[in-house]
C-alpha atoms as a PDB file:
ATOM      1  CA  UNK A   1       6.789  35.533  35.367  1.00  0.00           C
ATOM      2  CA  UNK A   2       8.781  34.255  38.374  1.00  0.00           C
ATOM      3  CA  UNK A   3       7.338  33.201  41.734  1.00  0.00           C
ATOM      4  CA  UNK A   4       7.195  36.087  44.205  1.00  0.00           C
ATOM      5  CA  UNK A   5       6.757  36.264  47.986  1.00  0.00           C
ATOM      6  CA  UNK A   6       4.917  39.055  49.731  1.00  0.00           C
ATOM      7  CA  UNK A   7       3.957  39.708  53.339  1.00  0.00           C
ATOM      8  CA  UNK A   8       0.441  39.591  54.709  1.00  0.00           C
ATOM      9  CA  UNK A   9      -0.146  40.001  58.430  1.00  0.00           C
ATOM     10  CA  UNK A  10      -2.301  37.505  60.282  1.00  0.00           C
ATOM     11  CA  UNK A  11      -4.866  40.123  61.228  1.00  0.00           C
ATOM     12  CA  UNK A  12      -5.124  41.166  57.566  1.00  0.00           C
ATOM     13  CA  UNK A  13      -5.732  37.545  56.565  1.00  0.00           C
ATOM     14  CA  UNK A  14      -8.620  37.415  58.993  1.00  0.00           C
ATOM     15  CA  UNK A  15      -9.962  40.827  57.986  1.00  0.00           C
ATOM     16  CA  UNK A  16      -9.855  40.096  54.252  1.00  0.00           C
ATOM     17  CA  UNK A  17     -11.594  36.744  54.653  1.00  0.00           C
ATOM     18  CA  UNK A  18      -8.659  34.851  53.194  1.00  0.00           C
ATOM     19  CA  UNK A  19      -8.972  31.082  53.529  1.00  0.00           C
ATOM     20  CA  UNK A  20      -6.536  28.367  52.500  1.00  0.00           C
ATOM     21  CA  UNK A  21      -6.892  24.719  51.625  1.00  0.00           C
ATOM     22  CA  UNK A  22      -4.221  22.009  51.259  1.00  0.00           C
ATOM     23  CA  UNK A  23      -3.330  20.840  47.762  1.00  0.00           C
ATOM     24  CA  UNK A  24      -4.491  17.276  47.234  1.00  0.00           C
ATOM     25  CA  UNK A  25      -3.389  14.729  44.700  1.00  0.00           C
ATOM     26  CA  UNK A  26      -5.820  14.308  41.791  1.00  0.00           C
ATOM     27  CA  UNK A  27      -8.992  12.793  43.240  1.00  0.00           C
ATOM     28  CA  UNK A  28     -11.267  12.749  40.221  1.00  0.00           C
ATOM     29  CA  UNK A  29     -11.206  12.906  36.466  1.00  0.00           C
ATOM     30  CA  UNK A  30     -11.103  16.374  34.960  1.00  0.00           C
ATOM     31  CA  UNK A  31     -12.370  16.683  31.404  1.00  0.00           C
ATOM     32  CA  UNK A  32     -12.350  19.352  28.750  1.00  0.00           C
ATOM     33  CA  UNK A  33     -15.273  20.084  26.453  1.00  0.00           C
ATOM     34  CA  UNK A  34     -15.020  20.692  22.727  1.00  0.00           C
ATOM     35  CA  UNK A  35     -17.477  21.153  19.836  1.00  0.00           C
ATOM     36  CA  UNK A  36     -17.992  18.227  17.517  1.00  0.00           C
ATOM     37  CA  UNK A  37     -20.157  16.942  14.705  1.00  0.00           C
ATOM     38  CA  UNK A  38     -21.569  13.477  14.087  1.00  0.00           C
ATOM     39  CA  UNK A  39     -20.490  12.047  10.721  1.00  0.00           C
ATOM     40  CA  UNK A  40     -21.026   8.780   8.884  1.00  0.00           C
ATOM     41  CA  UNK A  41     -17.990   6.499   8.407  1.00  0.00           C
ATOM     42  CA  UNK A  42     -17.362   5.639   4.744  1.00  0.00           C
ATOM     43  CA  UNK A  43     -17.848   1.935   5.473  1.00  0.00           C
ATOM     44  CA  UNK A  44     -21.299   2.641   6.962  1.00  0.00           C
ATOM     45  CA  UNK A  45     -22.800   4.181   3.823  1.00  0.00           C
ATOM     46  CA  UNK A  46     -23.903   2.326   0.713  1.00  0.00           C
ATOM     47  CA  UNK A  47     -24.672   4.232  -2.462  1.00  0.00           C
ATOM     48  CA  UNK A  48     -27.133   2.264  -4.573  1.00  0.00           C
ATOM     49  CA  UNK A  49     -26.453   3.143  -8.195  1.00  0.00           C
ATOM     50  CA  UNK A  50     -27.778   2.099 -11.562  1.00  0.00           C
ATOM     51  CA  UNK A  51     -25.528  -0.614 -13.048  1.00  0.00           C
ATOM     52  CA  UNK A  52     -26.680   0.148 -16.592  1.00  0.00           C
ATOM     53  CA  UNK A  53     -28.469   2.830 -18.563  1.00  0.00           C
ATOM     54  CA  UNK A  54     -32.221   2.602 -18.125  1.00  0.00           C
ATOM     55  CA  UNK A  55     -35.433   3.992 -16.629  1.00  0.00           C
ATOM     56  CA  UNK A  56     -36.470   3.973 -12.978  1.00  0.00           C
ATOM     57  CA  UNK A  57     -39.710   1.980 -12.977  1.00  0.00           C
ATOM     58  CA  UNK A  58     -40.414   1.886  -9.236  1.00  0.00           C
ATOM     59  CA  UNK A  59     -38.863   2.885  -5.928  1.00  0.00           C
ATOM     60  CA  UNK A  60     -39.595   0.123  -3.430  1.00  0.00           C
ATOM     61  CA  UNK A  61     -38.582   2.071  -0.310  1.00  0.00           C
ATOM     62  CA  UNK A  62     -39.138   5.544   1.089  1.00  0.00           C
ATOM     63  CA  UNK A  63     -36.765   8.075   2.567  1.00  0.00           C
ATOM     64  CA  UNK A  64     -35.794   7.380   6.213  1.00  0.00           C
ATOM     65  CA  UNK A  65     -37.203   3.851   5.960  1.00  0.00           C
ATOM     66  CA  UNK A  66     -35.206   1.069   7.662  1.00  0.00           C
ATOM     67  CA  UNK A  67     -34.102  -1.761   5.369  1.00  0.00           C
ATOM     68  CA  UNK A  68     -32.455  -5.133   5.836  1.00  0.00           C
ATOM     69  CA  UNK A  69     -29.663  -6.650   3.791  1.00  0.00           C
ATOM     70  CA  UNK A  70     -31.110  -8.184   0.633  1.00  0.00           C
ATOM     71  CA  UNK A  71     -34.314  -6.123   0.630  1.00  0.00           C
ATOM     72  CA  UNK A  72     -35.284  -4.860  -2.864  1.00  0.00           C
ATOM     73  CA  UNK A  73     -35.074  -1.070  -3.012  1.00  0.00           C
ATOM     74  CA  UNK A  74     -35.601  -0.114  -6.677  1.00  0.00           C
ATOM     75  CA  UNK A  75     -36.735  -1.590  -9.992  1.00  0.00           C
ATOM     76  CA  UNK A  76     -35.320  -0.450 -13.330  1.00  0.00           C
ATOM     77  CA  UNK A  77     -36.000  -1.230 -16.970  1.00  0.00           C
ATOM     78  CA  UNK A  78     -32.874  -1.429 -19.115  1.00  0.00           C
ATOM     79  CA  UNK A  79     -32.523  -2.487 -22.763  1.00  0.00           C
ATOM     80  CA  UNK A  80     -28.821  -2.949 -22.014  1.00  0.00           C
ATOM     81  CA  UNK A  81     -29.723  -5.659 -19.482  1.00  0.00           C
ATOM     82  CA  UNK A  82     -31.852  -7.416 -22.080  1.00  0.00           C
ATOM     83  CA  UNK A  83     -28.932  -7.263 -24.520  1.00  0.00           C
ATOM     84  CA  UNK A  84     -26.536  -8.724 -21.954  1.00  0.00           C
ATOM     85  CA  UNK A  85     -28.932 -11.572 -21.204  1.00  0.00           C
ATOM     86  CA  UNK A  86     -29.245 -12.265 -24.931  1.00  0.00           C
ATOM     87  CA  UNK A  87     -25.453 -12.468 -25.087  1.00  0.00           C
ATOM     88  CA  UNK A  88     -25.593 -14.887 -22.147  1.00  0.00           C
ATOM     89  CA  UNK A  89     -28.021 -17.146 -24.007  1.00  0.00           C
ATOM     90  CA  UNK A  90     -25.844 -17.067 -27.120  1.00  0.00           C
ATOM     91  CA  UNK A  91     -22.657 -17.730 -25.166  1.00  0.00           C
ATOM     92  CA  UNK A  92     -24.273 -20.584 -23.235  1.00  0.00           C
ATOM     93  CA  UNK A  93     -25.521 -22.173 -26.478  1.00  0.00           C
ATOM     94  CA  UNK A  94     -22.106 -21.885 -28.129  1.00  0.00           C
ATOM     95  CA  UNK A  95     -20.442 -23.399 -25.072  1.00  0.00           C
ATOM     96  CA  UNK A  96     -22.904 -26.322 -25.076  1.00  0.00           C
ATOM     97  CA  UNK A  97     -22.369 -26.982 -28.785  1.00  0.00           C
ATOM     98  CA  UNK A  98     -18.585 -26.682 -28.427  1.00  0.00           C
ATOM     99  CA  UNK A  99     -18.643 -29.124 -25.494  1.00  0.00           C
ATOM    100  CA  UNK A 100     -20.641 -31.653 -27.518  1.00  0.00           C
ATOM    101  CA  UNK A 101     -18.368 -31.227 -30.552  1.00  0.00           C
ATOM    102  CA  UNK A 102     -15.229 -31.705 -28.463  1.00  0.00           C
ATOM    103  CA  UNK A 103     -16.670 -34.852 -26.848  1.00  0.00           C
ATOM    104  CA  UNK A 104     -17.534 -36.288 -30.275  1.00  0.00           C
ATOM    105  CA  UNK A 105     -14.153 -35.414 -31.821  1.00  0.00           C
ATOM    106  CA  UNK A 106     -12.278 -36.817 -28.817  1.00  0.00           C
ATOM    107  CA  UNK A 107     -14.189 -40.098 -29.110  1.00  0.00           C
ATOM    108  CA  UNK A 108     -13.406 -40.343 -32.831  1.00  0.00           C
ATOM    109  CA  UNK A 109      -9.740 -39.616 -32.147  1.00  0.00           C
ATOM    110  CA  UNK A 110      -9.603 -42.294 -29.426  1.00  0.00           C
ATOM    111  CA  UNK A 111     -11.016 -44.789 -31.954  1.00  0.00           C
ATOM    112  CA  UNK A 112      -8.379 -43.758 -34.502  1.00  0.00           C
ATOM    113  CA  UNK A 113     -10.869 -42.450 -36.989  1.00  0.00           C
ATOM    114  CA  UNK A 114      -9.686 -38.817 -37.115  1.00  0.00           C
ATOM    115  CA  UNK A 115      -6.276 -37.192 -36.648  1.00  0.00           C
ATOM    116  CA  UNK A 116      -5.289 -35.596 -33.315  1.00  0.00           C
ATOM    117  CA  UNK A 117      -5.361 -32.126 -34.879  1.00  0.00           C
ATOM    118  CA  UNK A 118      -9.170 -32.166 -35.204  1.00  0.00           C
ATOM    119  CA  UNK A 119      -9.576 -33.062 -31.523  1.00  0.00           C
ATOM    120  CA  UNK A 120      -7.210 -30.242 -30.565  1.00  0.00           C
ATOM    121  CA  UNK A 121      -9.134 -27.751 -32.714  1.00  0.00           C
ATOM    122  CA  UNK A 122     -12.393 -28.811 -31.049  1.00  0.00           C
ATOM    123  CA  UNK A 123     -10.790 -28.381 -27.630  1.00  0.00           C
ATOM    124  CA  UNK A 124      -9.572 -24.857 -28.522  1.00  0.00           C
ATOM    125  CA  UNK A 125     -13.052 -23.918 -29.751  1.00  0.00           C
ATOM    126  CA  UNK A 126     -14.519 -25.188 -26.461  1.00  0.00           C
ATOM    127  CA  UNK A 127     -12.070 -23.142 -24.363  1.00  0.00           C
ATOM    128  CA  UNK A 128     -12.857 -20.019 -26.374  1.00  0.00           C
ATOM    129  CA  UNK A 129     -16.622 -20.541 -25.958  1.00  0.00           C
ATOM    130  CA  UNK A 130     -16.271 -21.136 -22.216  1.00  0.00           C
ATOM    131  CA  UNK A 131     -14.125 -17.992 -21.832  1.00  0.00           C
ATOM    132  CA  UNK A 132     -16.781 -15.943 -23.639  1.00  0.00           C
ATOM    133  CA  UNK A 133     -19.440 -17.396 -21.329  1.00  0.00           C
ATOM    134  CA  UNK A 134     -17.402 -16.525 -18.220  1.00  0.00           C
ATOM    135  CA  UNK A 135     -16.868 -12.963 -19.467  1.00  0.00           C
ATOM    136  CA  UNK A 136     -20.583 -12.503 -20.181  1.00  0.00           C
ATOM    137  CA  UNK A 137     -21.486 -13.786 -16.714  1.00  0.00           C
ATOM    138  CA  UNK A 138     -18.984 -11.371 -15.172  1.00  0.00           C
ATOM    139  CA  UNK A 139     -20.615  -8.436 -16.985  1.00  0.00           C
ATOM    140  CA  UNK A 140     -24.034  -9.551 -15.765  1.00  0.00           C
ATOM    141  CA  UNK A 141     -22.735  -9.903 -12.215  1.00  0.00           C
ATOM    142  CA  UNK A 142     -21.546  -6.294 -12.341  1.00  0.00           C
ATOM    143  CA  UNK A 143     -25.028  -5.372 -13.536  1.00  0.00           C
ATOM    144  CA  UNK A 144     -26.511  -6.976 -10.417  1.00  0.00           C
ATOM    145  CA  UNK A 145     -27.534 -10.405 -11.687  1.00  0.00           C
ATOM    146  CA  UNK A 146     -26.806 -13.287  -9.298  1.00  0.00           C
ATOM    147  CA  UNK A 147     -25.691 -16.765 -10.486  1.00  0.00           C
ATOM    148  CA  UNK A 148     -29.144 -18.276  -9.758  1.00  0.00           C
ATOM    149  CA  UNK A 149     -30.725 -15.500 -11.844  1.00  0.00           C
ATOM    150  CA  UNK A 150     -28.363 -16.265 -14.720  1.00  0.00           C
ATOM    151  CA  UNK A 151     -29.230 -19.965 -14.550  1.00  0.00           C
ATOM    152  CA  UNK A 152     -32.911 -19.058 -14.650  1.00  0.00           C
ATOM    153  CA  UNK A 153     -32.354 -16.977 -17.801  1.00  0.00           C
ATOM    154  CA  UNK A 154     -30.488 -19.859 -19.464  1.00  0.00           C
ATOM    155  CA  UNK A 155     -33.199 -22.363 -18.511  1.00  0.00           C
ATOM    156  CA  UNK A 156     -36.059 -20.152 -19.691  1.00  0.00           C
ATOM    157  CA  UNK A 157     -34.278 -18.908 -22.801  1.00  0.00           C
ATOM    158  CA  UNK A 158     -36.050 -15.560 -22.427  1.00  0.00           C
ATOM    159  CA  UNK A 159     -34.039 -12.382 -21.803  1.00  0.00           C
ATOM    160  CA  UNK A 160     -35.492  -9.683 -19.551  1.00  0.00           C
ATOM    161  CA  UNK A 161     -34.858  -5.962 -19.281  1.00  0.00           C
ATOM    162  CA  UNK A 162     -35.776  -5.868 -15.569  1.00  0.00           C
ATOM    163  CA  UNK A 163     -33.212  -4.900 -12.914  1.00  0.00           C
ATOM    164  CA  UNK A 164     -33.988  -5.305  -9.215  1.00  0.00           C
ATOM    165  CA  UNK A 165     -31.530  -3.475  -6.959  1.00  0.00           C
ATOM    166  CA  UNK A 166     -31.159  -4.655  -3.355  1.00  0.00           C
ATOM    167  CA  UNK A 167     -29.603  -3.356  -0.136  1.00  0.00           C
ATOM    168  CA  UNK A 168     -26.212  -4.878   0.639  1.00  0.00           C
ATOM    169  CA  UNK A 169     -26.384  -3.887   4.325  1.00  0.00           C
ATOM    170  CA  UNK A 170     -28.854  -3.116   7.086  1.00  0.00           C
ATOM    171  CA  UNK A 171     -29.513   0.576   7.557  1.00  0.00           C
ATOM    172  CA  UNK A 172     -31.732   3.582   6.947  1.00  0.00           C
ATOM    173  CA  UNK A 173     -32.564   5.046   3.541  1.00  0.00           C
ATOM    174  CA  UNK A 174     -30.941   8.416   4.160  1.00  0.00           C
ATOM    175  CA  UNK A 175     -31.423   9.960   0.707  1.00  0.00           C
ATOM    176  CA  UNK A 176     -33.264   9.294  -2.568  1.00  0.00           C
ATOM    177  CA  UNK A 177     -31.892  11.039  -5.654  1.00  0.00           C
ATOM    178  CA  UNK A 178     -34.322   9.935  -8.393  1.00  0.00           C
ATOM    179  CA  UNK A 179     -38.028   9.621  -9.157  1.00  0.00           C
ATOM    180  CA  UNK A 180     -40.005   6.928 -10.992  1.00  0.00           C
ATOM    181  CA  UNK A 181     -39.921   7.472 -14.738  1.00  0.00           C
ATOM    182  CA  UNK A 182     -36.556   9.179 -14.659  1.00  0.00           C
ATOM    183  CA  UNK A 183     -33.931   8.084 -17.182  1.00  0.00           C
ATOM    184  CA  UNK A 184     -30.546   7.308 -15.658  1.00  0.00           C
ATOM    185  CA  UNK A 185     -27.105   6.491 -16.975  1.00  0.00           C
ATOM    186  CA  UNK A 186     -24.924   3.705 -15.723  1.00  0.00           C
ATOM    187  CA  UNK A 187     -23.374   4.443 -12.300  1.00  0.00           C
ATOM    188  CA  UNK A 188     -26.011   7.105 -11.516  1.00  0.00           C
ATOM    189  CA  UNK A 189     -26.620   7.359  -7.765  1.00  0.00           C
ATOM    190  CA  UNK A 190     -30.199   6.401  -6.939  1.00  0.00           C
ATOM    191  CA  UNK A 191     -30.312   6.321  -3.139  1.00  0.00           C
ATOM    192  CA  UNK A 192     -28.151   6.080  -0.017  1.00  0.00           C
ATOM    193  CA  UNK A 193     -28.406   3.516   2.769  1.00  0.00           C
ATOM    194  CA  UNK A 194     -26.700   4.497   6.012  1.00  0.00           C
ATOM    195  CA  UNK A 195     -25.863   2.421   9.073  1.00  0.00           C
ATOM    196  CA  UNK A 196     -26.355   4.523  12.201  1.00  0.00           C
ATOM    197  CA  UNK A 197     -25.486   2.009  14.937  1.00  0.00           C
ATOM    198  CA  UNK A 198     -21.816   3.017  14.769  1.00  0.00           C
ATOM    199  CA  UNK A 199     -20.845   6.574  13.838  1.00  0.00           C
ATOM    200  CA  UNK A 200     -17.875   8.928  13.959  1.00  0.00           C
ATOM    201  CA  UNK A 201     -17.344  12.213  15.749  1.00  0.00           C
ATOM    202  CA  UNK A 202     -15.223  14.970  14.244  1.00  0.00           C
ATOM    203  CA  UNK A 203     -14.111  17.104  17.195  1.00  0.00           C
ATOM    204  CA  UNK A 204     -12.378  20.493  16.975  1.00  0.00           C
ATOM    205  CA  UNK A 205      -9.563  20.565  19.559  1.00  0.00           C
ATOM    206  CA  UNK A 206      -7.043  23.410  20.039  1.00  0.00           C
ATOM    207  CA  UNK A 207      -3.614  22.354  18.817  1.00  0.00           C
ATOM    208  CA  UNK A 208      -1.992  22.764  22.229  1.00  0.00           C
ATOM    209  CA  UNK A 209      -4.714  20.767  24.003  1.00  0.00           C
ATOM    210  CA  UNK A 210      -4.427  17.884  21.533  1.00  0.00           C
ATOM    211  CA  UNK A 211      -0.877  17.036  22.612  1.00  0.00           C
ATOM    212  CA  UNK A 212      -2.014  14.897  25.539  1.00  0.00           C
ATOM    213  CA  UNK A 213      -4.792  13.070  23.666  1.00  0.00           C
ATOM    214  CA  UNK A 214      -3.912   9.626  22.350  1.00  0.00           C
ATOM    215  CA  UNK A 215      -5.839   7.093  20.222  1.00  0.00           C
ATOM    216  CA  UNK A 216      -7.954   4.975  22.530  1.00  0.00           C
ATOM    217  CA  UNK A 217      -8.812   7.848  24.882  1.00  0.00           C
ATOM    218  CA  UNK A 218     -12.469   7.805  25.997  1.00  0.00           C
ATOM    219  CA  UNK A 219     -14.916  10.448  24.791  1.00  0.00           C
ATOM    220  CA  UNK A 220     -18.439  11.213  25.968  1.00  0.00           C
ATOM    221  CA  UNK A 221     -21.187  13.258  24.369  1.00  0.00           C
ATOM    222  CA  UNK A 222     -22.556  15.699  26.936  1.00  0.00           C
ATOM    223  CA  UNK A 223     -26.218  15.201  27.925  1.00  0.00           C
ATOM    224  CA  UNK A 224     -26.491  11.939  25.981  1.00  0.00           C
ATOM    225  CA  UNK A 225     -25.809   8.397  27.100  1.00  0.00           C
ATOM    226  CA  UNK A 226     -23.298   7.899  24.290  1.00  0.00           C
ATOM    227  CA  UNK A 227     -19.565   7.272  24.562  1.00  0.00           C
ATOM    228  CA  UNK A 228     -16.714   6.046  22.404  1.00  0.00           C
ATOM    229  CA  UNK A 229     -12.975   6.072  21.787  1.00  0.00           C
ATOM    230  CA  UNK A 230     -10.552   8.280  19.908  1.00  0.00           C
ATOM    231  CA  UNK A 231      -9.336   6.534  16.751  1.00  0.00           C
ATOM    232  CA  UNK A 232      -7.000   9.183  15.314  1.00  0.00           C
ATOM    233  CA  UNK A 233      -6.068  12.844  15.173  1.00  0.00           C
ATOM    234  CA  UNK A 234      -5.428  14.948  12.104  1.00  0.00           C
ATOM    235  CA  UNK A 235      -1.682  15.315  11.407  1.00  0.00           C
ATOM    236  CA  UNK A 236      -2.255  18.903  10.275  1.00  0.00           C
ATOM    237  CA  UNK A 237      -3.579  22.053  11.960  1.00  0.00           C
ATOM    238  CA  UNK A 238      -6.245  24.268  10.388  1.00  0.00           C
ATOM    239  CA  UNK A 239      -4.659  27.551   9.328  1.00  0.00           C
ATOM    240  CA  UNK A 240      -7.529  29.836  10.330  1.00  0.00           C
ATOM    241  CA  UNK A 241      -8.091  28.766  13.940  1.00  0.00           C
ATOM    242  CA  UNK A 242      -5.143  26.465  14.788  1.00  0.00           C
ATOM    243  CA  UNK A 243      -7.427  23.558  15.631  1.00  0.00           C
ATOM    244  CA  UNK A 244      -6.783  19.839  15.192  1.00  0.00           C
ATOM    245  CA  UNK A 245      -9.584  17.523  14.054  1.00  0.00           C
ATOM    246  CA  UNK A 246      -9.928  14.590  16.428  1.00  0.00           C
ATOM    247  CA  UNK A 247     -11.912  11.606  15.189  1.00  0.00           C
ATOM    248  CA  UNK A 248     -13.697   9.258  17.562  1.00  0.00           C
ATOM    249  CA  UNK A 249     -15.774   6.146  16.972  1.00  0.00           C
ATOM    250  CA  UNK A 250     -18.996   5.849  18.948  1.00  0.00           C
ATOM    251  CA  UNK A 251     -21.585   3.142  19.420  1.00  0.00           C
ATOM    252  CA  UNK A 252     -25.144   4.320  18.838  1.00  0.00           C
ATOM    253  CA  UNK A 253     -27.418   1.310  19.432  1.00  0.00           C
ATOM    254  CA  UNK A 254     -30.265   3.443  20.785  1.00  0.00           C
ATOM    255  CA  UNK A 255     -29.898   5.961  17.931  1.00  0.00           C
ATOM    256  CA  UNK A 256     -29.606   8.802  20.428  1.00  0.00           C
ATOM    257  CA  UNK A 257     -27.575  10.825  17.934  1.00  0.00           C
ATOM    258  CA  UNK A 258     -27.946  11.438  14.222  1.00  0.00           C
ATOM    259  CA  UNK A 259     -25.511  12.113  11.369  1.00  0.00           C
ATOM    260  CA  UNK A 260     -24.856  15.822  10.963  1.00  0.00           C
ATOM    261  CA  UNK A 261     -25.804  16.638  14.560  1.00  0.00           C
ATOM    262  CA  UNK A 262     -23.689  19.236  16.380  1.00  0.00           C
ATOM    263  CA  UNK A 263     -22.709  18.070  19.868  1.00  0.00           C
ATOM    264  CA  UNK A 264     -20.479  18.925  22.809  1.00  0.00           C
ATOM    265  CA  UNK A 265     -17.837  16.303  23.546  1.00  0.00           C
ATOM    266  CA  UNK A 266     -16.078  15.695  26.847  1.00  0.00           C
ATOM    267  CA  UNK A 267     -12.536  14.266  26.830  1.00  0.00           C
ATOM    268  CA  UNK A 268     -10.580  13.445  30.033  1.00  0.00           C
ATOM    269  CA  UNK A 269      -7.369  15.431  30.433  1.00  0.00           C
ATOM    270  CA  UNK A 270      -4.203  13.342  30.491  1.00  0.00           C
ATOM    271  CA  UNK A 271      -1.934  15.137  32.927  1.00  0.00           C
ATOM    272  CA  UNK A 272       1.836  15.286  32.761  1.00  0.00           C
ATOM    273  CA  UNK A 273       4.412  16.507  35.285  1.00  0.00           C
ATOM    274  CA  UNK A 274       3.258  18.239  38.477  1.00  0.00           C
ATOM    275  CA  UNK A 275      -0.496  18.441  37.971  1.00  0.00           C
ATOM    276  CA  UNK A 276      -2.987  19.169  40.723  1.00  0.00           C
ATOM    277  CA  UNK A 277      -6.719  19.589  41.110  1.00  0.00           C
ATOM    278  CA  UNK A 278      -7.613  22.743  43.039  1.00  0.00           C
ATOM    279  CA  UNK A 279     -10.760  24.868  43.454  1.00  0.00           C
ATOM    280  CA  UNK A 280     -11.299  27.173  40.516  1.00  0.00           C
ATOM    281  CA  UNK A 281     -11.489  30.088  42.950  1.00  0.00           C
ATOM    282  CA  UNK A 282      -7.805  29.558  43.815  1.00  0.00           C
ATOM    283  CA  UNK A 283      -6.554  30.656  40.389  1.00  0.00           C
ATOM    284  CA  UNK A 284      -5.966  34.352  39.738  1.00  0.00           C
ATOM    285  CA  UNK A 285      -5.348  35.873  36.332  1.00  0.00           C
ATOM    286  CA  UNK A 286      -2.657  38.470  35.734  1.00  0.00           C
ATOM    287  CA  UNK A 287      -2.619  39.575  32.098  1.00  0.00           C
ATOM    288  CA  UNK A 288      -1.835  36.407  30.135  1.00  0.00           C
ATOM    289  CA  UNK A 289      -0.634  34.442  33.170  1.00  0.00           C
ATOM    290  CA  UNK A 290      -2.319  32.401  35.886  1.00  0.00           C
ATOM    291  CA  UNK A 291      -1.095  32.239  39.486  1.00  0.00           C
ATOM    292  CA  UNK A 292      -2.003  30.642  42.792  1.00  0.00           C
ATOM    293  CA  UNK A 293      -1.124  32.032  46.205  1.00  0.00           C
ATOM    294  CA  UNK A 294       0.691  29.563  48.466  1.00  0.00           C
ATOM    295  CA  UNK A 295       0.841  30.229  52.237  1.00  0.00           C
ATOM    296  CA  UNK A 296       4.312  30.996  53.665  1.00  0.00           C
ATOM    297  CA  UNK A 297       5.422  31.880  57.218  1.00  0.00           C
ATOM    298  CA  UNK A 298       5.560  35.572  56.265  1.00  0.00           C
ATOM    299  CA  UNK A 299       2.440  35.663  54.122  1.00  0.00           C
ATOM    300  CA  UNK A 300       2.002  34.238  50.639  1.00  0.00           C
ATOM    301  CA  UNK A 301       3.959  33.375  47.514  1.00  0.00           C
ATOM    302  CA  UNK A 302       2.547  33.874  44.010  1.00  0.00           C
ATOM    303  CA  UNK A 303       3.413  30.853  41.911  1.00  0.00           C
ATOM    304  CA  UNK A 304       2.712  30.684  38.187  1.00  0.00           C
ATOM    305  CA  UNK A 305       0.619  27.763  36.982  1.00  0.00           C
ATOM    306  CA  UNK A 306      -0.646  26.480  33.670  1.00  0.00           C
ATOM    307  CA  UNK A 307      -4.337  25.649  33.523  1.00  0.00           C
ATOM    308  CA  UNK A 308      -4.866  22.298  31.788  1.00  0.00           C
ATOM    309  CA  UNK A 309      -8.614  21.855  32.159  1.00  0.00           C
ATOM    310  CA  UNK A 310     -11.602  22.599  34.345  1.00  0.00           C
ATOM    311  CA  UNK A 311     -14.650  20.640  35.417  1.00  0.00           C
ATOM    312  CA  UNK A 312     -17.327  22.111  37.644  1.00  0.00           C
ATOM    313  CA  UNK A 313     -15.691  23.841  40.625  1.00  0.00           C
ATOM    314  CA  UNK A 314     -12.304  22.191  40.063  1.00  0.00           C
ATOM    315  CA  UNK A 315      -9.452  23.192  37.803  1.00  0.00           C
ATOM    316  CA  UNK A 316      -6.405  21.106  36.943  1.00  0.00           C
ATOM    317  CA  UNK A 317      -3.170  23.060  36.938  1.00  0.00           C
ATOM    318  CA  UNK A 318       0.458  22.253  36.297  1.00  0.00           C
ATOM    319  CA  UNK A 319       3.182  24.092  38.158  1.00  0.00           C
ATOM    320  CA  UNK A 320       5.595  24.248  41.062  1.00  0.00           C
ATOM    321  CA  UNK A 321       3.190  23.078  43.755  1.00  0.00           C
ATOM    322  CA  UNK A 322       3.677  20.295  46.264  1.00  0.00           C
ATOM    323  CA  UNK A 323       1.109  18.141  47.979  1.00  0.00           C
ATOM    324  CA  UNK A 324      -0.198  19.708  51.211  1.00  0.00           C
ATOM    325  CA  UNK A 325       0.866  23.221  50.152  1.00  0.00           C
ATOM    326  CA  UNK A 326      -1.709  25.617  51.617  1.00  0.00           C
ATOM    327  CA  UNK A 327      -3.312  27.436  48.671  1.00  0.00           C
ATOM    328  CA  UNK A 328      -5.621  30.413  49.064  1.00  0.00           C
ATOM    329  CA  UNK A 329      -9.155  29.527  47.970  1.00  0.00           C
ATOM    330  CA  UNK A 330     -11.041  32.588  49.286  1.00  0.00           C
ATOM    331  CA  UNK A 331     -10.041  36.238  49.343  1.00  0.00           C
ATOM    332  CA  UNK A 332      -7.889  35.659  46.269  1.00  0.00           C
ATOM    333  CA  UNK A 333      -8.820  39.014  44.719  1.00  0.00           C
ATOM    334  CA  UNK A 334      -7.598  40.818  47.839  1.00  0.00           C
ATOM    335  CA  UNK A 335      -4.374  38.798  47.780  1.00  0.00           C
ATOM    336  CA  UNK A 336      -3.839  39.661  44.129  1.00  0.00           C
ATOM    337  CA  UNK A 337      -4.203  43.344  44.966  1.00  0.00           C
ATOM    338  CA  UNK A 338      -1.701  43.096  47.827  1.00  0.00           C
ATOM    339  CA  UNK A 339       0.734  41.203  45.623  1.00  0.00           C
ATOM    340  CA  UNK A 340       0.541  43.699  42.758  1.00  0.00           C
ATOM    341  CA  UNK A 341       0.831  46.607  45.171  1.00  0.00           C
ATOM    342  CA  UNK A 342       3.972  45.173  46.739  1.00  0.00           C
ATOM    343  CA  UNK A 343       5.327  44.340  43.296  1.00  0.00           C
ATOM    344  CA  UNK A 344       4.815  47.954  42.227  1.00  0.00           C
ATOM    345  CA  UNK A 345       2.307  47.228  39.439  1.00  0.00           C
END
């Protein structure tokens, strides 16, 4: 649709209540609003799982309870843990005996009593015993046993089937998947611990509107004192609604929002080209197009514009408008009728 001029007499302008206002450069930020959902970043969620097959003896926390890093959260009984600790005791004993044997053989070799071969055999036996001990400790570490716990087992000489699982981060117990007395396999999820001080927003943005949004752009959740920054945008468009998923990171120290919550997100519009903020009443719709009516000596000129965003009583448009152009802001419906009548529509 091209720009078109049409005549309007001065007395008609007065009679129709037509008022104009000069176009001003952008005075304030105009933002668009989009639906979004609060989600938990992968790094903010810990899944506490059973390291070995066993039975849940006791849950030491409740759902939605805050926990600190290192707090015990569950106690299990596992024969497999007892077996691993027995292997630790055996491996530690073999390593001690092999170390003593190597020391004795090395001393005898240094004194010339035995051949070098016997000292070398003792050294090989020691290395093999130490490797077995290291491997056993690694298996116990995967099962949740700390080095001080392993040393305690070696000192006491008594294996235990008890497993105490602890939180590896501060957070909230967001879900519990088991009950006391339940048998579980290794790697079975027992409970989830979620950090909620820093969350993500997944925002649905129309593909066309996403073009001007860049990583780092500010976002604000409407009606909540929570803001953040865009971290990335989906490289693909959803086939059903042609939306792009925008992801933002937000700080949530006051826990004003919760994972799963549906929110409305405000994102400032980044303008390009000839963009202007004008009253929303100045824009007229004609089928699929938008126009504004610019004052001319003979009357008005209908100029097509592209609406970028709106905020309150302002709308940001892009089009062939210059600063200080007089744009109709009242009586626009009457002007549209006069324009269409002169245009023969």
